[in-house]
Amino acid sequence: GVRGTKSVEHLFWEVSQQRGCMILGLHGGPGRPLKRVTRLVKIHLTAEIFGVVHTLFSRMQFMHDGQTIERRQVPLRRLLWKEGVEDILPENRESLDDELYAEICPYTEDWRVGCRKALSERLGLF
């Protein structure tokens, strides 16, 4: 990649090895745009301490190219796509969009599982 963008090889690794995203439109023919779909679970963890509400933020983000960025962001995790999902996706793009943006997506792991994994990996809970 150039200027912080991901290379084709990195995207291939993210799709096929990590199962962190899907590339849609590969079989749509020429002129049809490609669409990268990633599902995330964000955790807003708050606690009231002596009458003051505190929110947990992650301050350091590590980029795919080795750079680090410091910013305030709630802990998050990508939801994994189920194995073989590219073979079962429907051809109808409109119904697919509805399913992909629904709270419970039939093609990815459940958001509760992703939340539990994020709390375990990031904070050592569970």
Protein backbone atom coordinates (compact mmCIF):
# COMPACT_ATOMS: atom_id res chain seq x y z
CA GLY A 1 0.00 0.00 0.00
CA VAL A 2 0.90 3.65 -0.38
CA ARG A 3 0.44 6.41 2.24
CA GLY A 4 -1.19 4.13 4.82
CA THR A 5 -3.43 2.15 2.46
CA LYS A 6 -3.38 -1.64 2.51
CA SER A 7 -1.73 -3.60 -0.27
CA VAL A 8 -3.61 -6.24 -2.27
CA GLU A 9 -1.55 -8.92 -0.52
CA HIS A 10 -2.54 -7.56 2.90
CA LEU A 11 -6.22 -7.48 1.94
CA PHE A 12 -5.97 -11.07 0.65
CA TRP A 13 -4.41 -12.14 3.97
CA GLU A 14 -7.11 -10.27 5.92
CA VAL A 15 -9.91 -11.96 3.94
CA SER A 16 -8.56 -15.50 3.59
CA GLN A 17 -6.44 -16.02 6.70
CA GLN A 18 -7.88 -13.72 9.37
CA ARG A 19 -11.48 -13.86 8.10
CA GLY A 20 -11.74 -10.22 9.23
CA CYS A 21 -13.56 -8.84 6.18
CA MET A 22 -15.26 -9.80 2.92
CA ILE A 23 -14.75 -8.35 -0.55
CA LEU A 24 -18.07 -8.19 -2.43
CA GLY A 25 -18.54 -7.69 -6.15
CA LEU A 26 -15.71 -9.96 -7.33
CA HIS A 27 -18.10 -12.01 -9.49
CA GLY A 28 -20.23 -9.08 -10.63
CA GLY A 29 -18.51 -8.49 -13.91
CA PRO A 30 -16.73 -5.44 -15.29
CA GLY A 31 -17.88 -2.03 -14.14
CA ARG A 32 -19.27 -3.30 -10.84
CA PRO A 33 -17.51 -1.71 -7.86
CA LEU A 34 -15.81 -3.78 -5.18
CA LYS A 35 -17.01 -3.35 -1.62
CA ARG A 36 -15.04 -4.27 1.51
CA VAL A 37 -17.31 -5.22 4.42
CA THR A 38 -15.99 -5.40 7.98
CA ARG A 39 -18.16 -5.95 11.05
CA LEU A 40 -16.95 -4.52 14.37
CA VAL A 41 -18.08 -4.73 17.96
CA LYS A 42 -17.35 -1.59 20.00
CA ILE A 43 -17.38 -1.75 23.80
CA HIS A 44 -18.47 1.31 25.74
CA LEU A 45 -17.47 0.44 29.31
CA THR A 46 -18.40 3.05 31.91
CA ALA A 47 -18.10 3.10 35.69
CA GLU A 48 -19.20 5.61 38.26
CA ILE A 49 -16.45 6.27 40.79
CA PHE A 50 -17.25 8.64 43.67
CA GLY A 51 -20.07 10.20 41.61
CA VAL A 52 -17.95 10.77 38.50
CA VAL A 53 -18.62 8.69 35.37
CA HIS A 54 -15.46 7.28 33.75
CA THR A 55 -15.27 5.67 30.30
CA LEU A 56 -12.60 3.19 29.25
CA PHE A 57 -10.62 4.32 26.19
CA SER A 58 -7.73 2.75 24.32
CA ARG A 59 -5.06 5.35 23.62
CA MET A 60 -2.65 3.49 21.32
CA GLN A 61 -3.55 2.02 17.95
CA PHE A 62 -1.10 -0.10 15.96
CA MET A 63 -1.51 0.18 12.20
CA HIS A 64 -1.01 -2.63 9.68
CA ASP A 65 2.15 -0.98 8.34
CA GLY A 66 3.84 -0.73 11.77
CA GLN A 67 2.91 2.87 12.51
CA THR A 68 1.31 3.79 15.82
CA ILE A 69 -1.35 6.42 16.37
CA GLU A 70 -2.39 7.79 19.73
CA ARG A 71 -6.08 8.65 20.02
CA ARG A 72 -9.04 8.08 22.29
CA GLN A 73 -11.01 5.08 21.08
CA VAL A 74 -13.24 2.58 22.83
CA PRO A 75 -12.00 -1.03 22.71
CA LEU A 76 -13.18 -2.79 19.56
CA ARG A 77 -12.75 -6.07 17.73
CA ARG A 78 -13.54 -7.36 14.25
CA LEU A 79 -16.16 -10.06 14.09
CA LEU A 80 -14.91 -13.14 12.26
CA TRP A 81 -16.64 -14.26 9.07
CA LYS A 82 -17.76 -17.87 9.01
CA GLU A 83 -15.64 -20.26 6.96
CA GLY A 84 -16.89 -20.79 3.42
CA VAL A 85 -19.23 -17.79 3.59
CA GLU A 86 -18.17 -16.60 0.12
CA ASP A 87 -19.79 -19.74 -1.34
CA ILE A 88 -23.19 -19.19 0.33
CA LEU A 89 -23.70 -15.45 -0.14
CA PRO A 90 -26.91 -14.71 -2.09
CA GLU A 91 -26.72 -13.09 -5.53
CA ASN A 92 -29.39 -10.47 -4.72
CA ARG A 93 -27.37 -7.45 -3.55
CA GLU A 94 -30.32 -5.65 -1.87
CA SER A 95 -31.24 -8.55 0.44
CA LEU A 96 -27.55 -9.09 1.16
CA ASP A 97 -27.10 -5.48 2.28
CA ASP A 98 -30.03 -5.86 4.69
CA GLU A 99 -28.46 -9.00 6.19
CA LEU A 100 -24.96 -7.53 6.42
CA TYR A 101 -26.13 -4.41 8.28
CA ALA A 102 -28.51 -6.22 10.66
CA GLU A 103 -27.54 -6.43 14.34
CA ILE A 104 -27.32 -10.21 14.07
CA CYS A 105 -25.61 -11.21 10.83
CA PRO A 106 -25.89 -14.86 9.74
CA TYR A 107 -22.46 -14.71 8.08
CA THR A 108 -20.30 -13.61 11.05
CA GLU A 109 -19.73 -14.72 14.61
CA ASP A 110 -22.26 -13.41 17.12
CA TRP A 111 -21.51 -9.95 18.52
CA ARG A 112 -21.71 -11.33 22.07
CA VAL A 113 -18.90 -13.79 21.29
CA GLY A 114 -16.83 -10.97 19.78
CA CYS A 115 -17.43 -8.79 22.83
CA ARG A 116 -16.41 -11.59 25.18
CA LYS A 117 -13.24 -12.22 23.15
CA ALA A 118 -12.37 -8.51 23.10
CA LEU A 119 -12.76 -8.19 26.88
CA SER A 120 -10.63 -11.29 27.34
CA GLU A 121 -7.88 -10.28 24.90
CA ARG A 122 -7.71 -6.57 25.78
CA LEU A 123 -8.45 -6.55 29.51
CA GLY A 124 -7.87 -10.12 30.70
CA LEU A 125 -11.52 -10.53 31.76
CA PHE A 126 -13.55 -13.77 31.56
